[in-house]
Amino acid sequence: MTPPLRVAIIGAGPSGLYAAQALAGQDDVEVSVDVFDRLPAPFGLARYGVAPDHLSLRSVRTTLEAVLDRPTVRLLANVEVGTDISVEELHRFYDAIVFTYGAATDHRLEIPGEDLTGTISATELVNWYCGHPDAAGEHVEAAITAATSAVVVGVGNVAVDVTRVLSKTAPELEHTDMPQHVLDLLAGSSITSVTVLGRRGPAQAAFTTKELKELGELADADVHVDPRDLALDPVSEADIEGERRRERNMRVLQGWSTRAKGEGRRTIRLRFFSQPVEIIGPGRVTGVRVERTRLDADGSLSGTGEHITIDADLVVRSVGYQGMPLAGVPFDTARGVIPHDEGRVHDGDDVVPGEYVAGWIKRGPTGIIGTNKKDATATVRSLIADAAQLPRAARPDPDAVTSHLSDRGVHYVNVDGWRAIDAAEIALGESMGRARTTLHDREALLESARWADDQ
């Protein structure tokens, strides 16, 4: 009898769990899947990237959690591949490895003053308000506490999320599962002005209409757009024509550009054709120097030489994520991805036997959560097609890898441990009159998981 195909998935976010779902659903090949994650809790960006006030998007966790209930799928969280176990060692226990660990670091602006006190990345801010165990809490909290005016650089959905969270009132955030200390700090925030900067025009902005419209629905914030930014050049007209999302975005922005001044305590300003060229300050941020830009006939961007300075004591850069290399795995430094052909990892022109990739670390940080399902399924299709030729693991017994981890003193979190974390978060939330409160401290997460081991 042919033994089950043993597959390790590195990353328990949407891509990893969609890959596990596709593998567990095979009819012609029996597959046993272990899903690794370096954090104690699964779900990746579905837990630590989707804004806490977007409850409908975060509900995808219910679908992902069902994958962990499959009898042929096992969770091994709190295990960092490359530190607790190497890729070379994984090949001893698995016939194939699928890398789905995403793109967790951020791009920089590469302008003077970027490292001044009061500048943070959207990655840091999102990690903090989502309760990521590795969040730079003190750094982010100090920046927000000292701020009355913020500049957010970027016009994607993450930039809109950050702007919305910074501009909401305490009652608008109480229904979320934010850690309590995050909720308390935001409730006492003194920020009254948020300016969002886009280097190009509104026709080129990456945000979706649903996320954009939410800025105009906040309880105590007014949105302003300069009508001058909405005058369309030929390039922008061509970009918008037939593109429903861009057409809808323009209608929303035009409505805001003619709206009378409201009485909100906070003001949100969307500025397009505005390129930050310097962050100003003697030690901490006091402003951002911005150059007016224009689109040339070929669609390239040029500076006009017209400069203004926007007062700000908090700057959040939100100009994209990038992937990082993993020891022992080929990596395309220029693109920030693992090179592949139809999901098969490549080292130069050669296929790396038994190695596959899916998600952002495969294609770059593009698409929505649902995009990852199609992407992961395509990679699994390649893996299954290769099944008969895969190099078989020397130690395929499922207990072999867990014994190896235990011998190294690695406390892995299985699905029962995750259930215990889940129950602890619900109980903590109920004690505060909320549906759930996220545990952000790694030791608190592990302590909750250990409770399951003691039963």
Protein backbone atom coordinates (compact mmCIF):
# COMPACT_ATOMS: atom_id res chain seq x y z
CA MET A 1 0.00 0.00 0.00
CA THR A 2 1.33 3.44 -0.99
CA PRO A 3 1.96 5.58 2.12
CA PRO A 4 0.33 9.02 2.29
CA LEU A 5 2.15 11.89 0.64
CA ARG A 6 3.68 13.96 3.45
CA VAL A 7 3.55 17.73 2.86
CA ALA A 8 4.75 20.60 5.05
CA ILE A 9 3.21 24.04 4.56
CA ILE A 10 5.23 26.96 5.90
CA GLY A 11 2.77 29.65 6.94
CA ALA A 12 -0.71 29.26 8.45
CA GLY A 13 -2.24 32.30 6.77
CA PRO A 14 -4.91 32.20 4.06
CA SER A 15 -2.53 30.91 1.36
CA GLY A 16 -1.21 28.14 3.56
CA LEU A 17 -4.60 27.00 4.78
CA TYR A 18 -6.13 27.17 1.31
CA ALA A 19 -3.24 24.99 0.12
CA ALA A 20 -3.92 22.57 2.99
CA GLN A 21 -7.60 22.51 2.06
CA ALA A 22 -6.77 21.66 -1.56
CA LEU A 23 -4.34 18.93 -0.51
CA ALA A 24 -6.74 17.40 1.99
CA GLY A 25 -9.46 17.31 -0.64
CA GLN A 26 -7.59 15.11 -3.11
CA ASP A 27 -9.48 12.02 -4.26
CA ASP A 28 -6.72 10.13 -6.05
CA VAL A 29 -3.80 10.78 -3.70
CA GLU A 30 -3.81 10.38 0.08
CA VAL A 31 -2.08 13.38 1.61
CA SER A 32 -1.01 14.14 5.18
CA VAL A 33 -0.39 17.85 5.82
CA ASP A 34 1.45 19.69 8.59
CA VAL A 35 0.96 23.47 8.67
CA PHE A 36 3.78 25.37 10.38
CA ASP A 37 3.71 28.96 11.59
CA ARG A 38 6.24 30.92 13.60
CA LEU A 39 3.47 32.59 15.65
CA PRO A 40 1.48 30.79 18.36
CA ALA A 41 -1.85 31.53 16.61
CA PRO A 42 -2.79 30.73 13.00
CA PHE A 43 -4.45 32.75 10.19
CA GLY A 44 -1.64 35.17 9.30
CA LEU A 45 -2.94 38.36 7.70
CA ALA A 46 -6.53 37.27 8.31
CA ARG A 47 -5.75 37.74 12.02
CA TYR A 48 -2.94 40.29 11.97
CA GLY A 49 -3.51 42.27 8.76
CA VAL A 50 -7.24 42.74 8.18
CA ALA A 51 -8.40 45.81 10.11
CA PRO A 52 -10.22 44.85 13.33
CA ASP A 53 -13.27 46.93 12.40
CA HIS A 54 -13.74 44.96 9.17
CA LEU A 55 -15.63 42.14 10.83
CA SER A 56 -17.00 40.66 7.60
CA LEU A 57 -13.50 40.29 6.15
CA ARG A 58 -12.14 38.87 9.38
CA SER A 59 -14.90 36.26 9.37
CA VAL A 60 -12.89 34.34 6.75
CA ARG A 61 -11.13 32.91 9.79
CA THR A 62 -14.16 30.67 10.32
CA THR A 63 -13.59 29.11 6.89
CA LEU A 64 -9.85 28.78 7.49
CA GLU A 65 -10.38 27.29 10.94
CA ALA A 66 -12.50 24.52 9.41
CA VAL A 67 -9.41 23.41 7.47
CA LEU A 68 -7.67 22.68 10.77
CA ASP A 69 -10.52 20.30 11.66
CA ARG A 70 -9.62 18.02 8.76
CA PRO A 71 -8.25 14.71 10.09
CA THR A 72 -5.32 14.81 7.65
CA VAL A 73 -4.29 18.37 8.55
CA ARG A 74 -2.17 19.15 11.62
CA LEU A 75 -1.20 22.56 13.03
CA LEU A 76 2.34 23.07 14.31
CA ALA A 77 2.38 26.72 15.34
CA ASN A 78 5.05 28.57 17.34
CA VAL A 79 7.71 26.88 15.18
CA GLU A 80 10.03 29.16 13.22
CA VAL A 81 11.40 27.47 10.13
CA GLY A 82 15.00 28.52 9.69
CA THR A 83 15.54 28.77 13.46
CA ASP A 84 13.74 25.91 15.22
CA ILE A 85 14.06 23.61 12.22
CA SER A 86 15.85 24.13 8.90
CA VAL A 87 14.48 23.60 5.42
CA GLU A 88 17.09 20.90 4.92
CA GLU A 89 15.80 19.10 8.03
CA LEU A 90 12.21 19.42 6.85
CA HIS A 91 13.06 17.42 3.74
CA ARG A 92 13.89 14.45 6.00
CA PHE A 93 10.29 14.42 7.28
CA TYR A 94 8.29 15.50 4.22
CA ASP A 95 8.02 14.58 0.57
CA ALA A 96 7.16 18.16 -0.38
CA ILE A 97 7.29 21.63 1.19
CA VAL A 98 5.01 24.53 0.23
CA PHE A 99 6.27 27.99 1.23
CA THR A 100 3.39 30.39 1.97
CA TYR A 101 4.94 32.69 4.55
CA GLY A 102 3.90 35.92 2.86
CA ALA A 103 5.50 39.37 2.72
CA ALA A 104 5.78 40.77 6.20
CA THR A 105 8.15 43.73 5.88
CA ASP A 106 7.47 47.15 4.41
CA HIS A 107 9.01 49.32 1.70
CA ARG A 108 10.72 52.54 2.69
CA LEU A 109 10.30 55.99 1.16
CA GLU A 110 14.07 56.52 0.88
CA ILE A 111 13.83 60.24 1.64
CA PRO A 112 15.65 62.42 4.19
CA GLY A 113 14.20 62.38 7.69
CA GLU A 114 12.55 58.99 7.36
CA ASP A 115 14.07 57.81 10.63
CA LEU A 116 13.02 60.78 12.74
CA THR A 117 11.06 60.09 15.91
CA GLY A 118 7.39 60.06 15.03
CA THR A 119 7.76 58.17 11.75
CA ILE A 120 6.44 54.62 11.65
CA SER A 121 5.47 52.12 8.98
CA ALA A 122 1.92 50.99 8.34
CA THR A 123 3.18 47.47 9.07
CA GLU A 124 4.16 48.54 12.59
CA LEU A 125 0.86 50.32 13.16
CA VAL A 126 -1.28 47.48 11.80
CA ASN A 127 0.67 44.91 13.83
CA TRP A 128 0.07 46.99 16.94
CA TYR A 129 -3.67 47.51 16.57
CA CYS A 130 -4.24 43.90 15.48
CA GLY A 131 -2.34 42.51 18.48
CA HIS A 132 0.63 40.94 16.69
CA PRO A 133 3.01 39.37 19.25
CA ASP A 134 6.03 41.01 17.57
CA ALA A 135 4.51 44.49 17.37
CA ALA A 136 6.79 47.37 18.32
CA GLY A 137 4.26 48.50 20.89
CA GLU A 138 6.20 51.13 22.82
CA HIS A 139 7.50 52.71 19.60
CA VAL A 140 4.04 52.97 18.03
CA GLU A 141 2.32 54.08 21.24
CA ALA A 142 4.85 56.84 21.84
CA ALA A 143 4.37 58.11 18.29
CA ILE A 144 0.57 58.18 18.53
CA THR A 145 0.46 59.62 22.05
CA ALA A 146 2.59 62.61 21.04
CA ALA A 147 0.65 63.37 17.85
CA THR A 148 -2.09 65.83 16.97
CA SER A 149 -1.67 65.73 13.18
CA ALA A 150 -0.70 62.78 11.00
CA VAL A 151 0.41 62.25 7.41
CA VAL A 152 -0.22 58.85 5.82
CA VAL A 153 1.83 58.22 2.69
CA GLY A 154 0.10 55.89 0.25
CA VAL A 155 -3.30 55.41 -1.38
CA GLY A 156 -3.93 51.67 -1.09
CA ASN A 157 -6.40 49.89 1.16
CA VAL A 158 -3.88 49.63 4.01
CA ALA A 159 -3.40 53.41 3.96
CA VAL A 160 -7.20 53.82 4.08
CA ASP A 161 -7.42 51.31 6.96
CA VAL A 162 -4.78 53.19 8.95
CA THR A 163 -6.49 56.53 8.30
CA ARG A 164 -9.88 55.16 9.32
CA VAL A 165 -8.61 53.58 12.55
CA LEU A 166 -6.78 56.76 13.56
CA SER A 167 -9.92 58.81 12.86
CA LYS A 168 -12.60 56.70 14.56
CA THR A 169 -14.17 57.46 17.92
CA ALA A 170 -13.97 55.04 20.84
CA PRO A 171 -17.58 53.83 20.40
CA GLU A 172 -16.82 53.03 16.75
CA LEU A 173 -14.00 50.70 17.83
CA GLU A 174 -15.50 49.03 20.89
CA HIS A 175 -17.07 46.20 18.87
CA THR A 176 -13.67 45.08 17.55
CA ASP A 177 -11.32 42.49 19.06
CA MET A 178 -8.45 44.96 19.43
CA PRO A 179 -6.28 44.42 22.50
CA GLN A 180 -7.71 46.50 25.33
CA HIS A 181 -4.61 48.68 25.71
CA VAL A 182 -4.85 49.58 22.00
CA LEU A 183 -8.50 50.52 22.34
CA ASP A 184 -7.75 52.63 25.41
CA LEU A 185 -4.91 54.52 23.75
CA LEU A 186 -6.89 55.24 20.58
CA ALA A 187 -9.83 56.41 22.68
CA GLY A 188 -7.56 59.05 24.25
CA SER A 189 -5.81 60.05 21.04
CA SER A 190 -5.31 63.78 20.41
CA ILE A 191 -5.04 63.39 16.63
CA THR A 192 -7.42 65.82 14.92
CA SER A 193 -5.98 65.90 11.40
CA VAL A 194 -4.96 63.13 9.01
CA THR A 195 -3.59 63.94 5.55
CA VAL A 196 -3.30 61.13 3.00
CA LEU A 197 -0.70 61.61 0.24
CA GLY A 198 -0.74 59.96 -3.18
CA ARG A 199 2.15 60.47 -5.59
CA ARG A 200 -0.11 60.01 -8.62
CA GLY A 201 -3.68 61.01 -9.30
CA PRO A 202 -6.99 59.58 -8.09
CA ALA A 203 -7.30 57.53 -11.28
CA GLN A 204 -4.18 55.58 -10.31
CA ALA A 205 -5.04 55.08 -6.62
CA ALA A 206 -5.14 51.43 -5.53
CA PHE A 207 -7.87 51.60 -2.87
CA THR A 208 -11.24 49.97 -3.48
CA THR A 209 -14.48 51.94 -3.41
CA LYS A 210 -15.94 50.20 -0.38
CA GLU A 211 -12.91 51.05 1.76
CA LEU A 212 -12.77 54.60 0.38
CA LYS A 213 -16.45 55.32 1.10
CA GLU A 214 -16.03 54.26 4.74
CA LEU A 215 -13.93 57.38 5.36
CA GLY A 216 -17.01 59.49 4.66
CA GLU A 217 -19.14 57.49 7.09
CA LEU A 218 -17.15 58.16 10.27
CA ALA A 219 -19.03 59.61 13.22
CA ASP A 220 -16.77 62.56 14.01
CA ALA A 221 -14.53 63.13 10.98
CA ASP A 222 -14.93 65.24 7.83
CA VAL A 223 -13.30 64.34 4.52
CA HIS A 224 -11.91 66.95 2.15
CA VAL A 225 -10.52 66.67 -1.39
CA ASP A 226 -9.05 69.53 -3.42
CA PRO A 227 -11.09 69.84 -6.67
CA ARG A 228 -7.85 70.68 -8.47
CA ASP A 229 -6.66 67.10 -7.84
CA LEU A 230 -9.68 65.68 -9.66
CA ALA A 231 -9.08 67.45 -12.99
CA LEU A 232 -8.25 64.57 -15.34
CA ASP A 233 -5.34 64.64 -17.75
CA PRO A 234 -5.47 62.41 -20.87
CA VAL A 235 -3.54 59.61 -19.17
CA SER A 236 -5.98 59.55 -16.24
CA GLU A 237 -8.99 59.67 -18.55
CA ALA A 238 -7.64 56.61 -20.35
CA ASP A 239 -6.95 54.85 -17.03
CA ILE A 240 -10.52 55.42 -15.86
CA GLU A 241 -12.38 54.61 -19.07
CA GLY A 242 -14.21 51.31 -18.67
CA GLU A 243 -12.69 50.67 -15.23
CA ARG A 244 -15.68 50.48 -12.91
CA ARG A 245 -13.70 50.65 -9.66
CA ARG A 246 -11.90 53.81 -10.75
CA GLU A 247 -15.10 55.37 -12.04
CA ARG A 248 -16.80 54.71 -8.70
CA ASN A 249 -13.82 56.09 -6.80
CA MET A 250 -13.95 59.29 -8.81
CA ARG A 251 -17.64 59.77 -8.04
CA VAL A 252 -16.96 59.39 -4.32
CA LEU A 253 -14.04 61.83 -4.43
CA GLN A 254 -15.98 64.37 -6.48
CA GLY A 255 -18.78 64.27 -3.91
CA TRP A 256 -16.31 65.07 -1.15
CA SER A 257 -14.70 67.88 -3.14
CA THR A 258 -17.99 69.83 -3.16
CA ARG A 259 -19.13 68.95 0.36
CA ALA A 260 -19.65 71.82 2.77
CA LYS A 261 -17.40 71.95 5.81
CA GLY A 262 -18.78 69.78 8.60
CA GLU A 263 -18.43 69.90 12.35
CA GLY A 264 -16.36 66.77 12.91
CA ARG A 265 -13.63 66.92 15.53
CA ARG A 266 -11.24 65.29 13.06
CA THR A 267 -10.40 66.23 9.49
CA ILE A 268 -9.22 63.85 6.78
CA ARG A 269 -7.62 65.38 3.69
CA LEU A 270 -6.86 63.36 0.57
CA ARG A 271 -4.09 64.98 -1.49
CA PHE A 272 -3.14 63.55 -4.88
CA PHE A 273 -0.20 64.49 -7.12
CA SER A 274 1.72 64.97 -3.87
CA GLN A 275 5.14 63.38 -3.48
CA PRO A 276 6.90 63.56 -0.10
CA VAL A 277 10.50 64.61 -0.61
CA GLU A 278 11.61 65.20 2.98
CA ILE A 279 10.39 64.58 6.51
CA ILE A 280 11.27 67.64 8.56
CA GLY A 281 12.20 67.95 12.21
CA PRO A 282 15.03 68.73 14.60
CA GLY A 283 14.80 65.30 16.23
CA ARG A 284 11.17 64.36 15.91
CA VAL A 285 8.79 65.02 13.05
CA THR A 286 7.33 68.51 12.67
CA GLY A 287 6.27 68.36 9.02
CA VAL A 288 6.52 66.81 5.58
CA ARG A 289 7.86 68.68 2.55
CA VAL A 290 5.80 67.72 -0.48
CA GLU A 291 6.35 68.36 -4.18
CA ARG A 292 3.45 68.70 -6.59
CA THR A 293 3.68 66.12 -9.38
CA ARG A 294 2.14 65.58 -12.81
CA LEU A 295 1.66 62.68 -15.19
CA ASP A 296 3.52 62.94 -18.48
CA ALA A 297 2.04 61.81 -21.77
CA ASP A 298 3.67 58.38 -21.43
CA GLY A 299 2.25 57.89 -17.92
CA SER A 300 5.52 58.56 -16.10
CA LEU A 301 5.64 60.88 -13.10
CA SER A 302 7.46 64.21 -12.99
CA GLY A 303 7.93 66.81 -10.30
CA THR A 304 6.64 70.32 -11.01
CA GLY A 305 9.01 72.17 -8.69
CA GLU A 306 6.06 73.41 -6.63
CA HIS A 307 6.59 72.62 -2.94
CA ILE A 308 4.55 72.97 0.23
CA THR A 309 5.14 71.88 3.81
CA ILE A 310 2.41 70.01 5.69
CA ASP A 311 2.56 70.27 9.48
CA ALA A 312 2.64 66.82 11.08
CA ASP A 313 4.02 65.15 14.19
CA LEU A 314 3.23 61.60 13.02
CA VAL A 315 4.12 60.12 9.62
CA VAL A 316 2.93 56.67 8.58
CA ARG A 317 4.40 55.23 5.40
CA SER A 318 2.13 52.79 3.59
CA VAL A 319 3.86 52.12 0.29
CA GLY A 320 3.70 48.35 0.09
CA TYR A 321 4.95 45.10 1.60
CA GLN A 322 7.88 42.99 0.51
CA GLY A 323 8.92 39.39 1.04
CA MET A 324 12.09 38.27 2.77
CA PRO A 325 14.39 35.34 2.03
CA LEU A 326 14.36 32.10 4.01
CA ALA A 327 17.68 30.32 4.57
CA GLY A 328 18.11 27.44 2.15
CA VAL A 329 15.42 28.63 -0.30
CA PRO A 330 16.09 30.44 -3.61
CA PHE A 331 15.04 34.09 -3.57
CA ASP A 332 14.58 36.85 -6.14
CA THR A 333 15.88 39.89 -4.25
CA ALA A 334 14.76 42.40 -6.86
CA ARG A 335 11.12 41.26 -6.74
CA GLY A 336 11.02 40.05 -3.13
CA VAL A 337 9.61 36.64 -4.05
CA ILE A 338 10.63 32.99 -4.31
CA PRO A 339 11.22 32.28 -8.04
CA HIS A 340 8.93 29.64 -9.49
CA ASP A 341 7.30 28.15 -12.55
CA GLU A 342 3.63 27.28 -11.97
CA GLY A 343 4.35 27.11 -8.24
CA ARG A 344 7.44 24.91 -8.55
CA VAL A 345 10.41 26.58 -6.87
CA HIS A 346 13.28 27.35 -9.25
CA ASP A 347 16.97 27.90 -8.57
CA GLY A 348 18.12 29.58 -11.73
CA ASP A 349 16.91 27.38 -14.56
CA ASP A 350 16.57 24.31 -12.37
CA VAL A 351 13.48 23.08 -10.52
CA VAL A 352 14.12 22.40 -6.83
CA PRO A 353 12.64 18.92 -6.24
CA GLY A 354 9.86 18.83 -3.66
CA GLU A 355 9.64 22.60 -3.11
CA TYR A 356 6.62 24.77 -4.01
CA VAL A 357 5.39 28.29 -3.29
CA ALA A 358 2.03 30.06 -3.00
CA GLY A 359 0.63 33.42 -1.91
CA TRP A 360 2.41 36.75 -1.62
CA ILE A 361 5.86 35.16 -1.41
CA LYS A 362 5.06 33.62 -4.81
CA ARG A 363 3.51 36.55 -6.68
CA GLY A 364 4.21 39.63 -4.55
CA PRO A 365 1.76 41.53 -2.29
CA THR A 366 -1.17 41.75 -4.69
CA GLY A 367 -4.81 40.70 -4.66
CA ILE A 368 -7.29 40.13 -1.87
CA ILE A 369 -7.70 37.20 0.54
CA GLY A 370 -9.83 35.33 -1.98
CA THR A 371 -7.06 35.62 -4.58
CA ASN A 372 -4.97 33.32 -2.44
CA LYS A 373 -7.39 30.42 -2.80
CA LYS A 374 -7.05 30.29 -6.57
CA ASP A 375 -3.31 30.81 -6.31
CA ALA A 376 -2.83 28.05 -3.71
CA THR A 377 -5.01 25.63 -5.67
CA ALA A 378 -2.88 26.18 -8.78
CA THR A 379 0.29 25.39 -6.81
CA VAL A 380 -1.27 22.25 -5.34
CA ARG A 381 -2.21 21.16 -8.86
CA SER A 382 1.48 21.26 -9.80
CA LEU A 383 2.46 19.40 -6.63
CA ILE A 384 -0.04 16.60 -7.21
CA ALA A 385 1.04 16.30 -10.84
CA ASP A 386 4.61 15.73 -9.56
CA ALA A 387 3.62 13.29 -6.79
CA ALA A 388 5.00 10.13 -8.40
CA GLN A 389 8.40 11.75 -9.00
CA LEU A 390 8.86 13.46 -5.64
CA PRO A 391 11.88 12.45 -3.53
CA ARG A 392 10.41 10.51 -0.61
CA ALA A 393 11.15 11.54 2.96
CA ALA A 394 13.61 9.46 4.96
CA ARG A 395 11.49 9.77 8.15
CA PRO A 396 7.83 10.10 7.09
CA ASP A 397 6.28 9.02 10.40
CA PRO A 398 4.24 12.03 11.65
CA ASP A 399 5.66 11.54 15.15
CA ALA A 400 9.21 11.90 13.88
CA VAL A 401 9.04 15.65 13.29
CA THR A 402 7.24 16.41 16.55
CA SER A 403 9.78 14.32 18.47
CA HIS A 404 12.54 16.24 16.71
CA LEU A 405 10.99 19.55 17.81
CA SER A 406 10.42 18.35 21.37
CA ASP A 407 14.02 17.16 21.62
CA ARG A 408 15.07 20.72 20.77
CA GLY A 409 12.81 22.20 23.44
CA VAL A 410 10.41 23.72 20.91
CA HIS A 411 6.91 24.06 22.38
CA TYR A 412 4.72 23.72 19.31
CA VAL A 413 1.05 24.72 19.45
CA ASN A 414 -1.36 22.20 17.95
CA VAL A 415 -5.02 22.73 17.13
CA ASP A 416 -6.07 22.03 20.73
CA GLY A 417 -3.67 24.73 21.84
CA TRP A 418 -5.20 27.12 19.37
CA ARG A 419 -8.69 26.25 20.64
CA ALA A 420 -7.51 27.10 24.15
CA ILE A 421 -6.16 30.47 22.93
CA ASP A 422 -9.45 31.10 21.16
CA ALA A 423 -11.42 30.33 24.33
CA ALA A 424 -9.16 32.56 26.42
CA GLU A 425 -9.66 35.50 24.06
CA ILE A 426 -13.42 35.07 24.13
CA ALA A 427 -13.41 34.86 27.94
CA LEU A 428 -11.22 37.95 28.20
CA GLY A 429 -13.52 39.86 25.90
CA GLU A 430 -16.63 38.84 27.83
CA SER A 431 -15.01 40.01 31.05
CA MET A 432 -14.77 43.48 29.47
CA GLY A 433 -18.19 43.48 27.85
CA ARG A 434 -16.82 42.67 24.42
CA ALA A 435 -17.21 39.62 22.17
CA ARG A 436 -13.46 38.98 22.08
CA THR A 437 -10.22 40.66 23.05
CA THR A 438 -7.05 39.64 21.24
CA LEU A 439 -4.16 38.36 23.35
CA HIS A 440 -1.13 40.24 22.06
CA ASP A 441 1.60 38.98 24.38
CA ARG A 442 3.41 35.87 23.14
CA GLU A 443 3.80 34.39 26.61
CA ALA A 444 0.08 34.92 27.33
CA LEU A 445 -0.73 33.10 24.09
CA LEU A 446 1.59 30.23 24.95
CA GLU A 447 0.29 30.03 28.51
CA SER A 448 -3.24 29.67 27.16
CA ALA A 449 -2.07 26.97 24.75
CA ARG A 450 -0.29 25.10 27.55
CA TRP A 451 -3.60 24.97 29.42
CA ALA A 452 -4.83 22.61 26.68
CA ASP A 453 -1.76 20.39 27.18
CA ASP A 454 -2.56 20.08 30.89
CA GLN A 455 -6.09 18.79 30.40
